[in-house]
Amino acid sequence: MEVQGVRRLVVVDDGDRPVGIVSRRDLPGIFLREDDDIRSEVSEDVLGRTLGLRTAGPVVEVPDGRVETGGTVPYRA
């Protein structure tokens, strides 16, 4: 929203019916983090602690707040 200069978005339900409006002011600052902070959280918390992939696993890149992963994991589950 910040990058595109969008101030408000319409929130819709599963049937694409409007149910509300969200503005940039409504979003807590926790969502406005630096790419390096997001990359660290995904790598350490999600891949490391949750999935147990501490030494090997997907590569994590975070361009402009978007998480992109690639690579392989040692098990199928």
N, C-alpha and C. Protein backbone atom coordinates (compact mmCIF):
# COMPACT_ATOMS: atom_id res chain seq x y z
N MET A 1 0.83 -1.19 0.00
CA MET A 1 0.00 0.00 0.00
C MET A 1 0.87 1.25 0.00
N GLU A 2 1.92 1.22 0.79
CA GLU A 2 2.80 2.37 0.88
C GLU A 2 3.49 2.63 -0.44
N VAL A 3 4.05 1.59 -1.03
CA VAL A 3 4.80 1.73 -2.29
C VAL A 3 3.91 2.22 -3.42
N GLN A 4 2.69 1.71 -3.49
CA GLN A 4 1.77 2.07 -4.56
C GLN A 4 0.97 3.34 -4.28
N GLY A 5 1.12 3.88 -3.08
CA GLY A 5 0.39 5.10 -2.74
C GLY A 5 -1.09 4.87 -2.48
N VAL A 6 -1.44 3.64 -2.12
CA VAL A 6 -2.84 3.31 -1.83
C VAL A 6 -3.13 3.64 -0.37
N ARG A 7 -4.17 4.39 -0.12
CA ARG A 7 -4.50 4.78 1.25
C ARG A 7 -5.53 3.85 1.88
N ARG A 8 -6.45 3.30 1.07
CA ARG A 8 -7.51 2.43 1.60
C ARG A 8 -7.75 1.27 0.66
N LEU A 9 -8.16 0.14 1.23
CA LEU A 9 -8.54 -1.04 0.45
C LEU A 9 -9.90 -1.54 0.93
N VAL A 10 -10.70 -1.99 -0.01
CA VAL A 10 -11.98 -2.58 0.33
C VAL A 10 -11.74 -4.02 0.74
N VAL A 11 -12.34 -4.45 1.84
CA VAL A 11 -12.25 -5.82 2.32
C VAL A 11 -13.51 -6.54 1.86
N VAL A 12 -13.32 -7.72 1.22
CA VAL A 12 -14.46 -8.47 0.71
C VAL A 12 -14.51 -9.85 1.35
N ASP A 13 -15.70 -10.45 1.35
CA ASP A 13 -15.84 -11.81 1.88
C ASP A 13 -15.61 -12.82 0.77
N ASP A 14 -15.86 -14.09 1.05
CA ASP A 14 -15.62 -15.15 0.07
C ASP A 14 -16.47 -14.98 -1.19
N GLY A 15 -17.58 -14.28 -1.09
CA GLY A 15 -18.44 -14.04 -2.24
C GLY A 15 -18.15 -12.72 -2.93
N ASP A 16 -17.01 -12.12 -2.62
CA ASP A 16 -16.60 -10.82 -3.18
C ASP A 16 -17.57 -9.68 -2.83
N ARG A 17 -18.27 -9.83 -1.71
CA ARG A 17 -19.14 -8.75 -1.23
C ARG A 17 -18.36 -7.87 -0.27
N PRO A 18 -18.44 -6.56 -0.41
CA PRO A 18 -17.71 -5.67 0.49
C PRO A 18 -18.19 -5.83 1.93
N VAL A 19 -17.23 -5.94 2.85
CA VAL A 19 -17.56 -6.07 4.27
C VAL A 19 -16.89 -4.98 5.12
N GLY A 20 -16.02 -4.19 4.50
CA GLY A 20 -15.36 -3.14 5.24
C GLY A 20 -14.27 -2.48 4.44
N ILE A 21 -13.57 -1.58 5.09
CA ILE A 21 -12.46 -0.86 4.46
C ILE A 21 -11.31 -0.85 5.46
N VAL A 22 -10.12 -1.06 4.97
CA VAL A 22 -8.92 -0.98 5.81
C VAL A 22 -8.03 0.13 5.24
N SER A 23 -7.47 0.92 6.14
CA SER A 23 -6.56 1.98 5.71
C SER A 23 -5.17 1.69 6.23
N ARG A 24 -4.19 2.40 5.70
CA ARG A 24 -2.81 2.20 6.16
C ARG A 24 -2.70 2.47 7.65
N ARG A 25 -3.47 3.39 8.15
CA ARG A 25 -3.44 3.72 9.57
C ARG A 25 -3.90 2.55 10.43
N ASP A 26 -4.79 1.69 9.86
CA ASP A 26 -5.31 0.55 10.60
C ASP A 26 -4.28 -0.56 10.79
N LEU A 27 -3.28 -0.59 9.93
CA LEU A 27 -2.31 -1.68 9.97
C LEU A 27 -1.23 -1.39 11.01
N PRO A 28 -1.01 -2.31 11.92
CA PRO A 28 0.01 -2.08 12.94
C PRO A 28 1.41 -2.04 12.33
N GLY A 29 2.27 -1.33 12.99
CA GLY A 29 3.64 -1.18 12.52
C GLY A 29 4.42 -2.47 12.40
N ILE A 30 3.95 -3.54 13.04
CA ILE A 30 4.68 -4.80 12.97
C ILE A 30 4.77 -5.32 11.53
N PHE A 31 3.81 -4.93 10.71
CA PHE A 31 3.83 -5.38 9.33
C PHE A 31 4.76 -4.55 8.46
N LEU A 32 5.23 -3.46 8.97
CA LEU A 32 6.12 -2.58 8.21
C LEU A 32 7.55 -2.79 8.69
N ARG A 33 8.09 -3.96 8.38
CA ARG A 33 9.43 -4.31 8.85
C ARG A 33 10.42 -4.32 7.69
N GLU A 34 11.67 -4.26 8.04
CA GLU A 34 12.74 -4.33 7.04
C GLU A 34 12.84 -5.74 6.48
N ASP A 35 13.26 -5.85 5.24
CA ASP A 35 13.40 -7.15 4.59
C ASP A 35 14.32 -8.09 5.37
N ASP A 36 15.43 -7.56 5.90
CA ASP A 36 16.37 -8.41 6.66
C ASP A 36 15.72 -9.00 7.92
N ASP A 37 14.86 -8.22 8.57
CA ASP A 37 14.16 -8.72 9.76
C ASP A 37 13.20 -9.85 9.39
N ILE A 38 12.49 -9.68 8.29
CA ILE A 38 11.56 -10.71 7.84
C ILE A 38 12.33 -11.97 7.46
N ARG A 39 13.43 -11.81 6.70
CA ARG A 39 14.25 -12.95 6.28
C ARG A 39 14.77 -13.73 7.49
N SER A 40 15.23 -13.01 8.51
CA SER A 40 15.73 -13.67 9.72
C SER A 40 14.64 -14.46 10.42
N GLU A 41 13.45 -13.87 10.55
CA GLU A 41 12.36 -14.57 11.22
C GLU A 41 11.97 -15.83 10.47
N VAL A 42 11.85 -15.75 9.14
CA VAL A 42 11.47 -16.93 8.37
C VAL A 42 12.56 -17.99 8.47
N SER A 43 13.82 -17.59 8.30
CA SER A 43 14.92 -18.55 8.34
C SER A 43 15.08 -19.20 9.71
N GLU A 44 15.09 -18.38 10.76
CA GLU A 44 15.37 -18.90 12.10
C GLU A 44 14.14 -19.53 12.76
N ASP A 45 13.02 -18.82 12.74
CA ASP A 45 11.83 -19.31 13.45
C ASP A 45 11.08 -20.38 12.66
N VAL A 46 10.71 -20.05 11.44
CA VAL A 46 9.88 -20.98 10.66
C VAL A 46 10.69 -22.17 10.19
N LEU A 47 11.78 -21.92 9.46
CA LEU A 47 12.56 -23.04 8.93
C LEU A 47 13.38 -23.72 10.02
N GLY A 48 14.00 -22.94 10.88
CA GLY A 48 14.88 -23.51 11.90
C GLY A 48 14.15 -24.18 13.04
N ARG A 49 13.40 -23.40 13.82
CA ARG A 49 12.75 -23.96 15.00
C ARG A 49 11.51 -24.80 14.68
N THR A 50 10.68 -24.33 13.78
CA THR A 50 9.43 -25.05 13.50
C THR A 50 9.66 -26.29 12.65
N LEU A 51 10.45 -26.16 11.59
CA LEU A 51 10.65 -27.28 10.67
C LEU A 51 11.95 -28.05 10.92
N GLY A 52 12.81 -27.54 11.80
CA GLY A 52 14.05 -28.24 12.13
C GLY A 52 15.08 -28.21 11.02
N LEU A 53 15.04 -27.21 10.16
CA LEU A 53 15.99 -27.09 9.05
C LEU A 53 17.04 -26.05 9.40
N ARG A 54 17.85 -26.36 10.38
CA ARG A 54 18.82 -25.37 10.88
C ARG A 54 20.03 -25.20 9.97
N THR A 55 20.50 -26.27 9.37
CA THR A 55 21.73 -26.17 8.58
C THR A 55 21.49 -26.27 7.09
N ALA A 56 20.45 -26.93 6.68
CA ALA A 56 20.18 -27.08 5.25
C ALA A 56 18.71 -26.81 4.99
N GLY A 57 18.43 -26.39 3.81
CA GLY A 57 17.04 -26.15 3.48
C GLY A 57 16.90 -25.09 2.43
N PRO A 58 15.71 -24.57 2.30
CA PRO A 58 15.44 -23.58 1.26
C PRO A 58 16.20 -22.28 1.47
N VAL A 59 16.47 -21.63 0.38
CA VAL A 59 17.04 -20.29 0.41
C VAL A 59 15.88 -19.32 0.59
N VAL A 60 16.07 -18.34 1.45
CA VAL A 60 15.01 -17.36 1.71
C VAL A 60 15.47 -16.00 1.21
N GLU A 61 14.66 -15.40 0.34
CA GLU A 61 14.91 -14.06 -0.13
C GLU A 61 13.67 -13.22 0.15
N VAL A 62 13.88 -11.95 0.49
CA VAL A 62 12.76 -11.07 0.80
C VAL A 62 12.94 -9.75 0.05
N PRO A 63 12.46 -9.71 -1.20
CA PRO A 63 12.49 -8.43 -1.92
C PRO A 63 11.21 -7.63 -1.67
N ASP A 64 11.36 -6.43 -1.17
CA ASP A 64 10.22 -5.53 -0.95
C ASP A 64 9.11 -6.13 -0.11
N GLY A 65 9.48 -6.86 0.97
CA GLY A 65 8.49 -7.41 1.90
C GLY A 65 7.84 -8.70 1.46
N ARG A 66 8.20 -9.24 0.30
CA ARG A 66 7.64 -10.49 -0.21
C ARG A 66 8.62 -11.61 0.08
N VAL A 67 8.17 -12.68 0.72
CA VAL A 67 9.03 -13.81 1.04
C VAL A 67 9.04 -14.77 -0.14
N GLU A 68 10.24 -15.09 -0.62
CA GLU A 68 10.41 -16.05 -1.70
C GLU A 68 11.38 -17.12 -1.22
N THR A 69 10.98 -18.38 -1.38
CA THR A 69 11.86 -19.47 -0.99
C THR A 69 12.14 -20.34 -2.19
N GLY A 70 13.26 -21.05 -2.13
CA GLY A 70 13.62 -21.96 -3.19
C GLY A 70 14.59 -22.99 -2.63
N GLY A 71 14.72 -24.09 -3.32
CA GLY A 71 15.62 -25.14 -2.87
C GLY A 71 14.86 -26.39 -2.50
N THR A 72 15.54 -27.25 -1.78
CA THR A 72 14.93 -28.52 -1.38
C THR A 72 15.07 -28.73 0.12
N VAL A 73 14.26 -29.64 0.64
CA VAL A 73 14.34 -30.03 2.04
C VAL A 73 14.65 -31.53 2.06
N PRO A 74 15.22 -32.02 3.16
CA PRO A 74 15.66 -33.41 3.20
C PRO A 74 14.53 -34.44 3.38
N TYR A 75 13.28 -33.99 3.48
CA TYR A 75 12.17 -34.93 3.65
C TYR A 75 10.95 -34.40 2.93
N ARG A 76 10.01 -35.27 2.62
CA ARG A 76 8.84 -34.89 1.84
C ARG A 76 7.74 -34.23 2.64
N ALA A 77 7.63 -34.50 3.93
CA ALA A 77 6.51 -34.00 4.73
C ALA A 77 6.56 -32.55 4.83
